[in-house]
Amino acid sequence: MKMKTTTAFRAYATARRERSNEGKSFMMKSLNKDGSVSRMAPTASNWQLDAFATEAEAEARREQLEGMNPGGRFTIVPV
């Protein structure tokens, strides 16, 4: 069976995203100006960088992000 390259890429990207989600229970999200949590869907790179298994790891990343972006506000959201 022949598969188009775009279809194969979509299947590969979906499988990679699902593997990166395994075992992650906390996600870093940015806060909007009004204090609400951003509803933007996490990308594959967000899952790699901003998803954590424990809350302590997520808290350390939040402090790191706020140190790099003094005006930015971030929160930890259970996945």
PDB file of N, CA and C in Angstrom:
ATOM      1  N   MET A   1       0.838  -1.175   0.000  1.00  0.00           N
ATOM      2  CA  MET A   1       0.000   0.000   0.000  1.00  0.00           C
ATOM      3  C   MET A   1       0.879   1.232   0.000  1.00  0.00           C
ATOM      4  N   LYS A   2       0.584   2.148  -0.909  1.00  0.00           N
ATOM      5  CA  LYS A   2       1.333   3.399  -0.970  1.00  0.00           C
ATOM      6  C   LYS A   2       0.662   4.438  -0.083  1.00  0.00           C
ATOM      7  N   MET A   3       1.478   5.230   0.574  1.00  0.00           N
ATOM      8  CA  MET A   3       0.952   6.284   1.429  1.00  0.00           C
ATOM      9  C   MET A   3       1.587   7.605   0.994  1.00  0.00           C
ATOM     10  N   LYS A   4       0.787   8.641   0.901  1.00  0.00           N
ATOM     11  CA  LYS A   4       1.327   9.948   0.546  1.00  0.00           C
ATOM     12  C   LYS A   4       2.276  10.409   1.641  1.00  0.00           C
ATOM     13  N   THR A   5       3.261  11.204   1.264  1.00  0.00           N
ATOM     14  CA  THR A   5       4.229  11.670   2.255  1.00  0.00           C
ATOM     15  C   THR A   5       3.587  12.577   3.286  1.00  0.00           C
ATOM     16  N   THR A   6       2.605  13.384   2.876  1.00  0.00           N
ATOM     17  CA  THR A   6       1.948  14.268   3.856  1.00  0.00           C
ATOM     18  C   THR A   6       1.151  13.461   4.870  1.00  0.00           C
ATOM     19  N   THR A   7       0.514  12.392   4.410  1.00  0.00           N
ATOM     20  CA  THR A   7      -0.244  11.530   5.333  1.00  0.00           C
ATOM     21  C   THR A   7       0.704  10.829   6.296  1.00  0.00           C
ATOM     22  N   ALA A   8       1.824  10.346   5.778  1.00  0.00           N
ATOM     23  CA  ALA A   8       2.809   9.682   6.634  1.00  0.00           C
ATOM     24  C   ALA A   8       3.364  10.654   7.663  1.00  0.00           C
ATOM     25  N   PHE A   9       3.630  11.896   7.249  1.00  0.00           N
ATOM     26  CA  PHE A   9       4.150  12.885   8.180  1.00  0.00           C
ATOM     27  C   PHE A   9       3.138  13.183   9.276  1.00  0.00           C
ATOM     28  N   ARG A  10       1.857  13.332   8.911  1.00  0.00           N
ATOM     29  CA  ARG A  10       0.819  13.579   9.917  1.00  0.00           C
ATOM     30  C   ARG A  10       0.733  12.428  10.905  1.00  0.00           C
ATOM     31  N   ALA A  11       0.794  11.198  10.406  1.00  0.00           N
ATOM     32  CA  ALA A  11       0.735  10.028  11.281  1.00  0.00           C
ATOM     33  C   ALA A  11       1.948   9.991  12.204  1.00  0.00           C
ATOM     34  N   TYR A  12       3.119  10.299  11.670  1.00  0.00           N
ATOM     35  CA  TYR A  12       4.337  10.315  12.480  1.00  0.00           C
ATOM     36  C   TYR A  12       4.269  11.411  13.539  1.00  0.00           C
ATOM     37  N   ALA A  13       3.815  12.596  13.168  1.00  0.00           N
ATOM     38  CA  ALA A  13       3.727  13.708  14.117  1.00  0.00           C
ATOM     39  C   ALA A  13       2.723  13.412  15.223  1.00  0.00           C
ATOM     40  N   THR A  14       1.605  12.804  14.877  1.00  0.00           N
ATOM     41  CA  THR A  14       0.599  12.449  15.882  1.00  0.00           C
ATOM     42  C   THR A  14       1.145  11.414  16.860  1.00  0.00           C
ATOM     43  N   ALA A  15       1.818  10.400  16.337  1.00  0.00           N
ATOM     44  CA  ALA A  15       2.399   9.371  17.205  1.00  0.00           C
ATOM     45  C   ALA A  15       3.463   9.963  18.120  1.00  0.00           C
ATOM     46  N   ARG A  16       4.283  10.863  17.606  1.00  0.00           N
ATOM     47  CA  ARG A  16       5.323  11.497  18.408  1.00  0.00           C
ATOM     48  C   ARG A  16       4.700  12.347  19.518  1.00  0.00           C
ATOM     49  N   ARG A  17       3.638  13.085  19.196  1.00  0.00           N
ATOM     50  CA  ARG A  17       2.965  13.922  20.186  1.00  0.00           C
ATOM     51  C   ARG A  17       2.345  13.057  21.279  1.00  0.00           C
ATOM     52  N   GLU A  18       1.738  11.932  20.904  1.00  0.00           N
ATOM     53  CA  GLU A  18       1.139  11.042  21.901  1.00  0.00           C
ATOM     54  C   GLU A  18       2.194  10.434  22.813  1.00  0.00           C
ATOM     55  N   ARG A  19       3.363  10.079  22.256  1.00  0.00           N
ATOM     56  CA  ARG A  19       4.445   9.542  23.089  1.00  0.00           C
ATOM     57  C   ARG A  19       4.967  10.590  24.059  1.00  0.00           C
ATOM     58  N   SER A  20       5.017  11.857  23.620  1.00  0.00           N
ATOM     59  CA  SER A  20       5.536  12.894  24.502  1.00  0.00           C
ATOM     60  C   SER A  20       4.561  13.212  25.633  1.00  0.00           C
ATOM     61  N   ASN A  21       3.263  12.904  25.459  1.00  0.00           N
ATOM     62  CA  ASN A  21       2.257  13.172  26.482  1.00  0.00           C
ATOM     63  C   ASN A  21       2.253  12.136  27.598  1.00  0.00           C
ATOM     64  N   GLU A  22       2.824  10.964  27.357  1.00  0.00           N
ATOM     65  CA  GLU A  22       2.768   9.880  28.336  1.00  0.00           C
ATOM     66  C   GLU A  22       3.486  10.258  29.627  1.00  0.00           C
ATOM     67  N   GLY A  23       2.829  10.063  30.742  1.00  0.00           N
ATOM     68  CA  GLY A  23       3.445  10.293  32.030  1.00  0.00           C
ATOM     69  C   GLY A  23       3.501  11.736  32.476  1.00  0.00           C
ATOM     70  N   LYS A  24       2.974  12.632  31.695  1.00  0.00           N
ATOM     71  CA  LYS A  24       2.992  14.045  32.060  1.00  0.00           C
ATOM     72  C   LYS A  24       1.677  14.400  32.737  1.00  0.00           C
ATOM     73  N   SER A  25       1.763  15.032  33.895  1.00  0.00           N
ATOM     74  CA  SER A  25       0.528  15.375  34.580  1.00  0.00           C
ATOM     75  C   SER A  25       0.408  16.862  34.912  1.00  0.00           C
ATOM     76  N   PHE A  26       1.466  17.651  34.638  1.00  0.00           N
ATOM     77  CA  PHE A  26       1.411  19.091  34.878  1.00  0.00           C
ATOM     78  C   PHE A  26       1.947  19.824  33.656  1.00  0.00           C
ATOM     79  N   MET A  27       1.324  20.947  33.319  1.00  0.00           N
ATOM     80  CA  MET A  27       1.694  21.721  32.138  1.00  0.00           C
ATOM     81  C   MET A  27       1.844  23.187  32.510  1.00  0.00           C
ATOM     82  N   MET A  28       2.867  23.828  31.962  1.00  0.00           N
ATOM     83  CA  MET A  28       3.052  25.263  32.152  1.00  0.00           C
ATOM     84  C   MET A  28       2.180  26.008  31.158  1.00  0.00           C
ATOM     85  N   LYS A  29       1.452  27.010  31.609  1.00  0.00           N
ATOM     86  CA  LYS A  29       0.633  27.834  30.733  1.00  0.00           C
ATOM     87  C   LYS A  29       0.897  29.293  31.072  1.00  0.00           C
ATOM     88  N   SER A  30       0.813  30.155  30.084  1.00  0.00           N
ATOM     89  CA  SER A  30       0.971  31.580  30.336  1.00  0.00           C
ATOM     90  C   SER A  30      -0.372  32.158  30.769  1.00  0.00           C
ATOM     91  N   LEU A  31      -0.291  33.243  31.525  1.00  0.00           N
ATOM     92  CA  LEU A  31      -1.498  33.926  31.978  1.00  0.00           C
ATOM     93  C   LEU A  31      -1.733  35.146  31.096  1.00  0.00           C
ATOM     94  N   ASN A  32      -3.002  35.421  30.794  1.00  0.00           N
ATOM     95  CA  ASN A  32      -3.365  36.610  30.043  1.00  0.00           C
ATOM     96  C   ASN A  32      -3.311  37.826  30.958  1.00  0.00           C
ATOM     97  N   LYS A  33      -3.458  39.011  30.379  1.00  0.00           N
ATOM     98  CA  LYS A  33      -3.402  40.242  31.175  1.00  0.00           C
ATOM     99  C   LYS A  33      -4.493  40.296  32.237  1.00  0.00           C
ATOM    100  N   ASP A  34      -5.643  39.694  31.954  1.00  0.00           N
ATOM    101  CA  ASP A  34      -6.738  39.723  32.919  1.00  0.00           C
ATOM    102  C   ASP A  34      -6.622  38.632  33.985  1.00  0.00           C
ATOM    103  N   GLY A  35      -5.547  37.816  33.923  1.00  0.00           N
ATOM    104  CA  GLY A  35      -5.320  36.779  34.926  1.00  0.00           C
ATOM    105  C   GLY A  35      -5.868  35.417  34.560  1.00  0.00           C
ATOM    106  N   SER A  36      -6.541  35.318  33.409  1.00  0.00           N
ATOM    107  CA  SER A  36      -7.069  34.021  32.984  1.00  0.00           C
ATOM    108  C   SER A  36      -5.960  33.201  32.325  1.00  0.00           C
ATOM    109  N   VAL A  37      -6.114  31.898  32.371  1.00  0.00           N
ATOM    110  CA  VAL A  37      -5.125  30.987  31.789  1.00  0.00           C
ATOM    111  C   VAL A  37      -5.294  30.985  30.273  1.00  0.00           C
ATOM    112  N   SER A  38      -4.196  31.049  29.564  1.00  0.00           N
ATOM    113  CA  SER A  38      -4.221  31.031  28.101  1.00  0.00           C
ATOM    114  C   SER A  38      -4.847  29.740  27.613  1.00  0.00           C
ATOM    115  N   ARG A  39      -5.750  29.837  26.644  1.00  0.00           N
ATOM    116  CA  ARG A  39      -6.440  28.654  26.127  1.00  0.00           C
ATOM    117  C   ARG A  39      -5.761  28.111  24.879  1.00  0.00           C
ATOM    118  N   MET A  40      -4.614  28.659  24.536  1.00  0.00           N
ATOM    119  CA  MET A  40      -3.902  28.207  23.346  1.00  0.00           C
ATOM    120  C   MET A  40      -3.474  26.754  23.517  1.00  0.00           C
ATOM    121  N   ALA A  41      -3.694  25.954  22.486  1.00  0.00           N
ATOM    122  CA  ALA A  41      -3.351  24.523  22.550  1.00  0.00           C
ATOM    123  C   ALA A  41      -1.838  24.352  22.578  1.00  0.00           C
ATOM    124  N   PRO A  42      -1.319  23.463  23.423  1.00  0.00           N
ATOM    125  CA  PRO A  42       0.130  23.256  23.481  1.00  0.00           C
ATOM    126  C   PRO A  42       0.651  22.597  22.203  1.00  0.00           C
ATOM    127  N   THR A  43       1.789  23.069  21.744  1.00  0.00           N
ATOM    128  CA  THR A  43       2.417  22.495  20.559  1.00  0.00           C
ATOM    129  C   THR A  43       3.302  21.328  20.979  1.00  0.00           C
ATOM    130  N   ALA A  44       3.876  20.651  20.009  1.00  0.00           N
ATOM    131  CA  ALA A  44       4.763  19.524  20.308  1.00  0.00           C
ATOM    132  C   ALA A  44       5.971  19.995  21.110  1.00  0.00           C
ATOM    133  N   SER A  45       6.499  21.184  20.780  1.00  0.00           N
ATOM    134  CA  SER A  45       7.654  21.680  21.535  1.00  0.00           C
ATOM    135  C   SER A  45       7.254  22.073  22.956  1.00  0.00           C
ATOM    136  N   ASN A  46       6.015  22.549  23.144  1.00  0.00           N
ATOM    137  CA  ASN A  46       5.545  22.840  24.502  1.00  0.00           C
ATOM    138  C   ASN A  46       5.475  21.571  25.327  1.00  0.00           C
ATOM    139  N   TRP A  47       5.042  20.469  24.710  1.00  0.00           N
ATOM    140  CA  TRP A  47       4.980  19.217  25.446  1.00  0.00           C
ATOM    141  C   TRP A  47       6.371  18.752  25.853  1.00  0.00           C
ATOM    142  N   GLN A  48       7.362  19.032  25.035  1.00  0.00           N
ATOM    143  CA  GLN A  48       8.718  18.616  25.358  1.00  0.00           C
ATOM    144  C   GLN A  48       9.326  19.500  26.439  1.00  0.00           C
ATOM    145  N   LEU A  49       9.036  20.809  26.413  1.00  0.00           N
ATOM    146  CA  LEU A  49       9.687  21.753  27.321  1.00  0.00           C
ATOM    147  C   LEU A  49       8.870  22.088  28.562  1.00  0.00           C
ATOM    148  N   ASP A  50       7.558  22.112  28.443  1.00  0.00           N
ATOM    149  CA  ASP A  50       6.726  22.662  29.511  1.00  0.00           C
ATOM    150  C   ASP A  50       5.730  21.673  30.106  1.00  0.00           C
ATOM    151  N   ALA A  51       5.952  20.378  29.942  1.00  0.00           N
ATOM    152  CA  ALA A  51       5.095  19.359  30.560  1.00  0.00           C
ATOM    153  C   ALA A  51       5.959  18.531  31.510  1.00  0.00           C
ATOM    154  N   PHE A  52       5.449  18.314  32.720  1.00  0.00           N
ATOM    155  CA  PHE A  52       6.258  17.674  33.758  1.00  0.00           C
ATOM    156  C   PHE A  52       5.473  16.606  34.487  1.00  0.00           C
ATOM    157  N   ALA A  53       6.194  15.652  35.037  1.00  0.00           N
ATOM    158  CA  ALA A  53       5.574  14.554  35.777  1.00  0.00           C
ATOM    159  C   ALA A  53       5.244  14.968  37.207  1.00  0.00           C
ATOM    160  N   THR A  54       6.046  15.851  37.802  1.00  0.00           N
ATOM    161  CA  THR A  54       5.799  16.276  39.180  1.00  0.00           C
ATOM    162  C   THR A  54       5.590  17.777  39.252  1.00  0.00           C
ATOM    163  N   GLU A  55       4.896  18.200  40.292  1.00  0.00           N
ATOM    164  CA  GLU A  55       4.615  19.621  40.467  1.00  0.00           C
ATOM    165  C   GLU A  55       5.885  20.399  40.822  1.00  0.00           C
ATOM    166  N   ALA A  56       6.823  19.766  41.513  1.00  0.00           N
ATOM    167  CA  ALA A  56       8.076  20.436  41.878  1.00  0.00           C
ATOM    168  C   ALA A  56       8.891  20.803  40.632  1.00  0.00           C
ATOM    169  N   GLU A  57       8.939  19.898  39.655  1.00  0.00           N
ATOM    170  CA  GLU A  57       9.638  20.187  38.407  1.00  0.00           C
ATOM    171  C   GLU A  57       8.968  21.343  37.671  1.00  0.00           C
ATOM    172  N   ALA A  58       7.636  21.350  37.659  1.00  0.00           N
ATOM    173  CA  ALA A  58       6.892  22.419  36.993  1.00  0.00           C
ATOM    174  C   ALA A  58       7.124  23.756  37.696  1.00  0.00           C
ATOM    175  N   GLU A  59       7.193  23.747  39.009  1.00  0.00           N
ATOM    176  CA  GLU A  59       7.436  24.983  39.770  1.00  0.00           C
ATOM    177  C   GLU A  59       8.821  25.539  39.459  1.00  0.00           C
ATOM    178  N   ALA A  60       9.818  24.676  39.346  1.00  0.00           N
ATOM    179  CA  ALA A  60      11.173  25.125  38.998  1.00  0.00           C
ATOM    180  C   ALA A  60      11.185  25.748  37.601  1.00  0.00           C
ATOM    181  N   ARG A  61      10.459  25.153  36.653  1.00  0.00           N
ATOM    182  CA  ARG A  61      10.386  25.707  35.296  1.00  0.00           C
ATOM    183  C   ARG A  61       9.653  27.043  35.296  1.00  0.00           C
ATOM    184  N   ARG A  62       8.595  27.168  36.118  1.00  0.00           N
ATOM    185  CA  ARG A  62       7.862  28.436  36.203  1.00  0.00           C
ATOM    186  C   ARG A  62       8.771  29.547  36.686  1.00  0.00           C
ATOM    187  N   GLU A  63       9.566  29.278  37.720  1.00  0.00           N
ATOM    188  CA  GLU A  63      10.503  30.273  38.236  1.00  0.00           C
ATOM    189  C   GLU A  63      11.546  30.644  37.182  1.00  0.00           C
ATOM    190  N   GLN A  64      12.003  29.651  36.428  1.00  0.00           N
ATOM    191  CA  GLN A  64      12.987  29.903  35.374  1.00  0.00           C
ATOM    192  C   GLN A  64      12.383  30.793  34.279  1.00  0.00           C
ATOM    193  N   LEU A  65      11.151  30.484  33.847  1.00  0.00           N
ATOM    194  CA  LEU A  65      10.503  31.282  32.802  1.00  0.00           C
ATOM    195  C   LEU A  65      10.240  32.708  33.256  1.00  0.00           C
ATOM    196  N   GLU A  66       9.793  32.881  34.502  1.00  0.00           N
ATOM    197  CA  GLU A  66       9.530  34.223  35.002  1.00  0.00           C
ATOM    198  C   GLU A  66      10.827  35.002  35.183  1.00  0.00           C
ATOM    199  N   GLY A  67      11.927  34.315  35.464  1.00  0.00           N
ATOM    200  CA  GLY A  67      13.225  34.984  35.538  1.00  0.00           C
ATOM    201  C   GLY A  67      13.708  35.449  34.176  1.00  0.00           C
ATOM    202  N   MET A  68      13.439  34.652  33.142  1.00  0.00           N
ATOM    203  CA  MET A  68      13.845  35.022  31.784  1.00  0.00           C
ATOM    204  C   MET A  68      12.919  36.082  31.192  1.00  0.00           C
ATOM    205  N   ASN A  69      11.647  36.080  31.581  1.00  0.00           N
ATOM    206  CA  ASN A  69      10.644  37.036  31.078  1.00  0.00           C
ATOM    207  C   ASN A  69      10.069  37.804  32.260  1.00  0.00           C
ATOM    208  N   PRO A  70      10.720  38.898  32.685  1.00  0.00           N
ATOM    209  CA  PRO A  70      10.275  39.589  33.894  1.00  0.00           C
ATOM    210  C   PRO A  70       8.814  40.044  33.863  1.00  0.00           C
ATOM    211  N   GLY A  71       8.274  40.381  32.707  1.00  0.00           N
ATOM    212  CA  GLY A  71       6.873  40.836  32.639  1.00  0.00           C
ATOM    213  C   GLY A  71       5.891  39.707  32.458  1.00  0.00           C
ATOM    214  N   GLY A  72       6.371  38.501  32.190  1.00  0.00           N
ATOM    215  CA  GLY A  72       5.491  37.375  31.928  1.00  0.00           C
ATOM    216  C   GLY A  72       5.031  36.692  33.204  1.00  0.00           C
ATOM    217  N   ARG A  73       3.809  36.170  33.155  1.00  0.00           N
ATOM    218  CA  ARG A  73       3.271  35.421  34.287  1.00  0.00           C
ATOM    219  C   ARG A  73       2.879  34.050  33.795  1.00  0.00           C
ATOM    220  N   PHE A  74       3.191  33.023  34.581  1.00  0.00           N
ATOM    221  CA  PHE A  74       2.927  31.653  34.199  1.00  0.00           C
ATOM    222  C   PHE A  74       2.264  30.930  35.361  1.00  0.00           C
ATOM    223  N   THR A  75       1.560  29.871  35.050  1.00  0.00           N
ATOM    224  CA  THR A  75       0.907  29.067  36.072  1.00  0.00           C
ATOM    225  C   THR A  75       1.070  27.591  35.726  1.00  0.00           C
ATOM    226  N   ILE A  76       0.833  26.747  36.708  1.00  0.00           N
ATOM    227  CA  ILE A  76       0.915  25.298  36.536  1.00  0.00           C
ATOM    228  C   ILE A  76      -0.514  24.764  36.464  1.00  0.00           C
ATOM    229  N   VAL A  77      -0.808  23.997  35.414  1.00  0.00           N
ATOM    230  CA  VAL A  77      -2.148  23.467  35.195  1.00  0.00           C
ATOM    231  C   VAL A  77      -2.067  21.939  35.164  1.00  0.00           C
ATOM    232  N   PRO A  78      -2.905  21.240  35.939  1.00  0.00           N
ATOM    233  CA  PRO A  78      -2.924  19.774  35.835  1.00  0.00           C
ATOM    234  C   PRO A  78      -3.444  19.359  34.462  1.00  0.00           C
ATOM    235  N   VAL A  79      -2.831  18.347  33.886  1.00  0.00           N
ATOM    236  CA  VAL A  79      -3.240  17.887  32.552  1.00  0.00           C
ATOM    237  C   VAL A  79      -4.321  16.847  32.689  1.00  0.00           C
TER     238      VAL A  79
END
